[in-house]
Amino acid sequence: MLENHLGQQSFAELQQEIQDSHELIRADLVKNKFTTQTAIQRELETIRLMQNCKGAVEAIAFPTELQHHLAEANTLTKGQQQAIELSALSRDRILAWQGVAGSGKTYSLKLFSELATQKGYTVRGFAPSAEAAHEVATATHVPSDTVASLLVQDASDSPKPQTIWIVDKAGLLSAKDAHQQPQKRQG
């Protein structure tokens, strides 16, 4: 009813439709927040996908190589250094960095991308918007595009094994796009 009669229902009809729905699940009794079976399944599948990506790849660098690379960038904060170390030494296929605006994430990504490129990896950047993708490309010197452009690419365009995807501003992605992006990576 909701999708076929948008703007034509009364408030009472909407309330009744919500109560009768088998897809909607009340997520918060006090604030009348709802979710759907589909959203919960997508979240569970995303978690499963991320768990399956743990220990799935080789580390990009050895600790000694990483220390040499980081020594050249003596202006890093402890947090920036830890983020680069995590990414370069991890065996997990999917990693996330979180930090406040202005904390140096983009600069750290630039240094990480340089290391990965030196080690023979191809690095590509993605972001939710064209403007954000342009900012990533400019700041990191990594070819970047929108996540939407990635999601519409043919399966034949799947990346080579030694390709790293950097997704900037991933928190702005819809749950659906955030779920599809790692699936696209696996081919």
C-alpha atoms as a PDB file:
ATOM      1  CA  MET A   1       0.000   0.000   0.000  1.00  0.00           C
ATOM      2  CA  LEU A   2       2.668   2.513   0.972  1.00  0.00           C
ATOM      3  CA  GLU A   3       4.683   2.282  -2.214  1.00  0.00           C
ATOM      4  CA  ASN A   4       1.661   2.187  -4.528  1.00  0.00           C
ATOM      5  CA  HIS A   5      -0.290   5.076  -3.017  1.00  0.00           C
ATOM      6  CA  LEU A   6       2.398   7.504  -1.927  1.00  0.00           C
ATOM      7  CA  GLY A   7       0.811  10.713  -0.640  1.00  0.00           C
ATOM      8  CA  GLN A   8      -2.730   9.318  -0.844  1.00  0.00           C
ATOM      9  CA  GLN A   9      -3.100   7.711   2.599  1.00  0.00           C
ATOM     10  CA  SER A  10      -4.401   9.158   5.800  1.00  0.00           C
ATOM     11  CA  PHE A  11      -2.371   9.005   8.998  1.00  0.00           C
ATOM     12  CA  ALA A  12      -4.742   6.355  10.384  1.00  0.00           C
ATOM     13  CA  GLU A  13      -4.241   4.218   7.274  1.00  0.00           C
ATOM     14  CA  LEU A  14      -0.472   4.498   7.635  1.00  0.00           C
ATOM     15  CA  GLN A  15      -0.631   3.473  11.292  1.00  0.00           C
ATOM     16  CA  GLN A  16      -2.775   0.467  10.407  1.00  0.00           C
ATOM     17  CA  GLU A  17      -0.423  -0.524   7.586  1.00  0.00           C
ATOM     18  CA  ILE A  18       2.529  -0.375  10.001  1.00  0.00           C
ATOM     19  CA  GLN A  19       0.701  -2.534  12.545  1.00  0.00           C
ATOM     20  CA  ASP A  20      -0.293  -5.096   9.909  1.00  0.00           C
ATOM     21  CA  SER A  21       3.123  -5.283   8.258  1.00  0.00           C
ATOM     22  CA  HIS A  22       5.001  -8.571   8.487  1.00  0.00           C
ATOM     23  CA  GLU A  23       8.196  -6.917   7.250  1.00  0.00           C
ATOM     24  CA  LEU A  24       8.442  -4.141   9.847  1.00  0.00           C
ATOM     25  CA  ILE A  25       9.936  -4.851  13.248  1.00  0.00           C
ATOM     26  CA  ARG A  26       9.623  -2.424  16.132  1.00  0.00           C
ATOM     27  CA  ALA A  27      13.196  -1.536  17.085  1.00  0.00           C
ATOM     28  CA  ASP A  28      12.412   0.859  19.926  1.00  0.00           C
ATOM     29  CA  LEU A  29       9.157   0.713  21.871  1.00  0.00           C
ATOM     30  CA  VAL A  30       9.504   4.186  23.347  1.00  0.00           C
ATOM     31  CA  LYS A  31      10.385   6.203  20.253  1.00  0.00           C
ATOM     32  CA  ASN A  32       8.398   4.224  17.672  1.00  0.00           C
ATOM     33  CA  LYS A  33      11.450   3.294  15.631  1.00  0.00           C
ATOM     34  CA  PHE A  34      11.194   0.455  13.150  1.00  0.00           C
ATOM     35  CA  THR A  35      13.455  -1.664  11.019  1.00  0.00           C
ATOM     36  CA  THR A  36      12.766  -4.413   8.496  1.00  0.00           C
ATOM     37  CA  GLN A  37      13.565  -8.090   8.179  1.00  0.00           C
ATOM     38  CA  THR A  38      15.502  -7.206   5.028  1.00  0.00           C
ATOM     39  CA  ALA A  39      17.647  -4.618   6.850  1.00  0.00           C
ATOM     40  CA  ILE A  40      18.446  -7.050   9.655  1.00  0.00           C
ATOM     41  CA  GLN A  41      19.391  -9.782   7.165  1.00  0.00           C
ATOM     42  CA  ARG A  42      21.632  -7.329   5.269  1.00  0.00           C
ATOM     43  CA  GLU A  43      23.375  -6.320   8.516  1.00  0.00           C
ATOM     44  CA  LEU A  44      23.922  -9.965   9.501  1.00  0.00           C
ATOM     45  CA  GLU A  45      25.273 -10.781   6.037  1.00  0.00           C
ATOM     46  CA  THR A  46      27.638  -7.796   6.176  1.00  0.00           C
ATOM     47  CA  ILE A  47      28.954  -8.947   9.558  1.00  0.00           C
ATOM     48  CA  ARG A  48      29.409 -12.498   8.228  1.00  0.00           C
ATOM     49  CA  LEU A  49      31.241 -11.186   5.167  1.00  0.00           C
ATOM     50  CA  MET A  50      33.593  -9.120   7.318  1.00  0.00           C
ATOM     51  CA  GLN A  51      34.268 -12.078   9.625  1.00  0.00           C
ATOM     52  CA  ASN A  52      35.087 -14.258   6.614  1.00  0.00           C
ATOM     53  CA  CYS A  53      37.616 -11.636   5.494  1.00  0.00           C
ATOM     54  CA  LYS A  54      39.687 -11.955   8.675  1.00  0.00           C
ATOM     55  CA  GLY A  55      43.110 -13.449   7.971  1.00  0.00           C
ATOM     56  CA  ALA A  56      42.252 -13.794   4.280  1.00  0.00           C
ATOM     57  CA  VAL A  57      45.222 -11.922   2.760  1.00  0.00           C
ATOM     58  CA  GLU A  58      48.950 -11.533   3.251  1.00  0.00           C
ATOM     59  CA  ALA A  59      50.299  -8.478   5.033  1.00  0.00           C
ATOM     60  CA  ILE A  60      51.385  -5.712   2.686  1.00  0.00           C
ATOM     61  CA  ALA A  61      54.749  -5.168   4.357  1.00  0.00           C
ATOM     62  CA  PHE A  62      57.095  -6.632   6.925  1.00  0.00           C
ATOM     63  CA  PRO A  63      57.527  -4.673  10.173  1.00  0.00           C
ATOM     64  CA  THR A  64      61.079  -3.617   9.258  1.00  0.00           C
ATOM     65  CA  GLU A  65      59.962  -2.271   5.859  1.00  0.00           C
ATOM     66  CA  LEU A  66      57.129  -0.416   7.511  1.00  0.00           C
ATOM     67  CA  GLN A  67      59.389   1.175  10.117  1.00  0.00           C
ATOM     68  CA  HIS A  68      61.758   2.362   7.381  1.00  0.00           C
ATOM     69  CA  HIS A  69      58.835   3.878   5.467  1.00  0.00           C
ATOM     70  CA  LEU A  70      57.402   5.571   8.558  1.00  0.00           C
ATOM     71  CA  ALA A  71      60.808   6.950   9.574  1.00  0.00           C
ATOM     72  CA  GLU A  72      60.690   9.159   6.495  1.00  0.00           C
ATOM     73  CA  ALA A  73      57.448  10.725   7.767  1.00  0.00           C
ATOM     74  CA  ASN A  74      58.537  11.936  11.169  1.00  0.00           C
ATOM     75  CA  THR A  75      55.516  14.217  11.644  1.00  0.00           C
ATOM     76  CA  LEU A  76      52.995  11.433  12.256  1.00  0.00           C
ATOM     77  CA  THR A  77      50.948  11.367  15.422  1.00  0.00           C
ATOM     78  CA  LYS A  78      50.767   8.132  17.383  1.00  0.00           C
ATOM     79  CA  GLY A  79      47.241   7.511  16.046  1.00  0.00           C
ATOM     80  CA  GLN A  80      48.303   8.060  12.437  1.00  0.00           C
ATOM     81  CA  GLN A  81      51.238   5.714  12.867  1.00  0.00           C
ATOM     82  CA  GLN A  82      49.024   3.052  14.446  1.00  0.00           C
ATOM     83  CA  ALA A  83      46.504   3.283  11.589  1.00  0.00           C
ATOM     84  CA  ILE A  84      49.209   2.814   8.965  1.00  0.00           C
ATOM     85  CA  GLU A  85      50.775  -0.052  10.934  1.00  0.00           C
ATOM     86  CA  LEU A  86      47.404  -1.767  11.317  1.00  0.00           C
ATOM     87  CA  SER A  87      46.728  -1.533   7.601  1.00  0.00           C
ATOM     88  CA  ALA A  88      50.189  -2.552   6.414  1.00  0.00           C
ATOM     89  CA  LEU A  89      50.651  -5.478   8.797  1.00  0.00           C
ATOM     90  CA  SER A  90      47.097  -6.830   8.977  1.00  0.00           C
ATOM     91  CA  ARG A  91      46.030 -10.034   7.266  1.00  0.00           C
ATOM     92  CA  ASP A  92      42.384  -8.939   7.218  1.00  0.00           C
ATOM     93  CA  ARG A  93      40.819  -8.065   3.872  1.00  0.00           C
ATOM     94  CA  ILE A  94      38.566  -5.356   5.338  1.00  0.00           C
ATOM     95  CA  LEU A  95      39.780  -2.671   7.733  1.00  0.00           C
ATOM     96  CA  ALA A  96      38.257   0.569   8.960  1.00  0.00           C
ATOM     97  CA  TRP A  97      39.811   3.747  10.248  1.00  0.00           C
ATOM     98  CA  GLN A  98      37.801   6.093  12.397  1.00  0.00           C
ATOM     99  CA  GLY A  99      38.855   9.545  13.485  1.00  0.00           C
ATOM    100  CA  VAL A 100      37.535  13.034  13.933  1.00  0.00           C
ATOM    101  CA  ALA A 101      37.733  15.560  11.119  1.00  0.00           C
ATOM    102  CA  GLY A 102      41.203  17.022  10.859  1.00  0.00           C
ATOM    103  CA  SER A 103      42.932  14.116  12.604  1.00  0.00           C
ATOM    104  CA  GLY A 104      45.099  13.347   9.582  1.00  0.00           C
ATOM    105  CA  LYS A 105      43.341  10.301   8.140  1.00  0.00           C
ATOM    106  CA  THR A 106      43.801  11.464   4.556  1.00  0.00           C
ATOM    107  CA  TYR A 107      47.501  12.218   5.047  1.00  0.00           C
ATOM    108  CA  SER A 108      47.914   8.781   6.627  1.00  0.00           C
ATOM    109  CA  LEU A 109      46.089   7.198   3.679  1.00  0.00           C
ATOM    110  CA  LYS A 110      48.520   8.940   1.344  1.00  0.00           C
ATOM    111  CA  LEU A 111      51.504   7.444   3.185  1.00  0.00           C
ATOM    112  CA  PHE A 112      49.850   4.024   3.331  1.00  0.00           C
ATOM    113  CA  SER A 113      49.051   4.197  -0.403  1.00  0.00           C
ATOM    114  CA  GLU A 114      52.655   5.104  -1.202  1.00  0.00           C
ATOM    115  CA  LEU A 115      53.894   2.086   0.760  1.00  0.00           C
ATOM    116  CA  ALA A 116      51.380  -0.231  -0.902  1.00  0.00           C
ATOM    117  CA  THR A 117      52.322   1.060  -4.356  1.00  0.00           C
ATOM    118  CA  GLN A 118      56.027   0.535  -3.602  1.00  0.00           C
ATOM    119  CA  LYS A 119      55.173  -3.052  -2.667  1.00  0.00           C
ATOM    120  CA  GLY A 120      53.505  -3.638  -6.058  1.00  0.00           C
ATOM    121  CA  TYR A 121      49.877  -3.034  -5.142  1.00  0.00           C
ATOM    122  CA  THR A 122      47.416  -1.045  -7.202  1.00  0.00           C
ATOM    123  CA  VAL A 123      45.510   1.395  -4.998  1.00  0.00           C
ATOM    124  CA  ARG A 124      42.120   2.837  -5.943  1.00  0.00           C
ATOM    125  CA  GLY A 125      40.008   5.294  -4.007  1.00  0.00           C
ATOM    126  CA  PHE A 126      36.243   5.499  -3.690  1.00  0.00           C
ATOM    127  CA  ALA A 127      33.858   7.848  -1.921  1.00  0.00           C
ATOM    128  CA  PRO A 128      30.087   8.361  -1.711  1.00  0.00           C
ATOM    129  CA  SER A 129      30.121  11.531  -3.845  1.00  0.00           C
ATOM    130  CA  ALA A 130      32.075  12.813  -6.833  1.00  0.00           C
ATOM    131  CA  GLU A 131      33.286  15.772  -4.778  1.00  0.00           C
ATOM    132  CA  ALA A 132      34.591  13.496  -2.004  1.00  0.00           C
ATOM    133  CA  ALA A 133      36.238  11.209  -4.583  1.00  0.00           C
ATOM    134  CA  HIS A 134      37.965  14.233  -6.129  1.00  0.00           C
ATOM    135  CA  GLU A 135      39.203  15.305  -2.681  1.00  0.00           C
ATOM    136  CA  VAL A 136      40.627  11.822  -2.042  1.00  0.00           C
ATOM    137  CA  ALA A 137      42.348  11.761  -5.431  1.00  0.00           C
ATOM    138  CA  THR A 138      43.848  15.214  -4.928  1.00  0.00           C
ATOM    139  CA  ALA A 139      45.052  14.610  -1.370  1.00  0.00           C
ATOM    140  CA  THR A 140      46.374  11.062  -1.786  1.00  0.00           C
ATOM    141  CA  HIS A 141      47.353  10.986  -5.492  1.00  0.00           C
ATOM    142  CA  VAL A 142      45.260   7.804  -5.765  1.00  0.00           C
ATOM    143  CA  PRO A 143      42.878   7.455  -8.745  1.00  0.00           C
ATOM    144  CA  SER A 144      39.423   7.761  -7.192  1.00  0.00           C
ATOM    145  CA  ASP A 145      35.794   7.480  -8.207  1.00  0.00           C
ATOM    146  CA  THR A 146      32.371   7.185  -6.625  1.00  0.00           C
ATOM    147  CA  VAL A 147      31.188   4.030  -4.899  1.00  0.00           C
ATOM    148  CA  ALA A 148      28.150   4.111  -7.195  1.00  0.00           C
ATOM    149  CA  SER A 149      30.411   3.854 -10.262  1.00  0.00           C
ATOM    150  CA  LEU A 150      32.095   0.859  -8.689  1.00  0.00           C
ATOM    151  CA  LEU A 151      28.815  -0.891  -7.978  1.00  0.00           C
ATOM    152  CA  VAL A 152      27.621  -0.625 -11.586  1.00  0.00           C
ATOM    153  CA  GLN A 153      30.833  -2.017 -13.126  1.00  0.00           C
ATOM    154  CA  ASP A 154      30.650  -5.374 -14.872  1.00  0.00           C
ATOM    155  CA  ALA A 155      31.860  -8.424 -12.986  1.00  0.00           C
ATOM    156  CA  SER A 156      34.516  -8.766 -15.703  1.00  0.00           C
ATOM    157  CA  ASP A 157      36.060  -5.563 -14.307  1.00  0.00           C
ATOM    158  CA  SER A 158      36.812  -7.229 -10.957  1.00  0.00           C
ATOM    159  CA  PRO A 159      40.126  -6.131  -9.463  1.00  0.00           C
ATOM    160  CA  LYS A 160      43.419  -7.972  -9.641  1.00  0.00           C
ATOM    161  CA  PRO A 161      44.474  -9.767  -6.445  1.00  0.00           C
ATOM    162  CA  GLN A 162      46.985  -7.087  -5.447  1.00  0.00           C
ATOM    163  CA  THR A 163      44.514  -4.225  -5.546  1.00  0.00           C
ATOM    164  CA  ILE A 164      43.627  -2.154  -2.509  1.00  0.00           C
ATOM    165  CA  TRP A 165      40.416  -0.174  -2.331  1.00  0.00           C
ATOM    166  CA  ILE A 166      40.250   2.834  -0.060  1.00  0.00           C
ATOM    167  CA  VAL A 167      36.709   3.978   0.694  1.00  0.00           C
ATOM    168  CA  ASP A 168      36.703   7.448   2.213  1.00  0.00           C
ATOM    169  CA  LYS A 169      33.705   8.741   4.146  1.00  0.00           C
ATOM    170  CA  ALA A 170      32.282   5.202   4.274  1.00  0.00           C
ATOM    171  CA  GLY A 171      29.992   6.264   7.112  1.00  0.00           C
ATOM    172  CA  LEU A 172      27.980   8.225   4.550  1.00  0.00           C
ATOM    173  CA  LEU A 173      27.209   5.125   2.487  1.00  0.00           C
ATOM    174  CA  SER A 174      23.776   3.572   2.628  1.00  0.00           C
ATOM    175  CA  ALA A 175      23.625   0.181   4.328  1.00  0.00           C
ATOM    176  CA  LYS A 176      22.883  -1.362   0.929  1.00  0.00           C
ATOM    177  CA  ASP A 177      25.951   0.193  -0.747  1.00  0.00           C
ATOM    178  CA  ALA A 178      28.153  -0.617   2.247  1.00  0.00           C
ATOM    179  CA  HIS A 179      27.035  -4.239   1.930  1.00  0.00           C
ATOM    180  CA  GLN A 180      27.511  -4.453  -1.848  1.00  0.00           C
ATOM    181  CA  GLN A 181      30.971  -2.869  -1.971  1.00  0.00           C
ATOM    182  CA  PRO A 182      32.944  -5.707  -0.298  1.00  0.00           C
ATOM    183  CA  GLN A 183      30.944  -8.256  -2.294  1.00  0.00           C
ATOM    184  CA  LYS A 184      32.029  -6.488  -5.475  1.00  0.00           C
ATOM    185  CA  ARG A 185      35.643  -6.679  -4.274  1.00  0.00           C
ATOM    186  CA  GLN A 186      35.475 -10.437  -3.916  1.00  0.00           C
ATOM    187  CA  GLY A 187      34.155 -10.749  -7.435  1.00  0.00           C
END
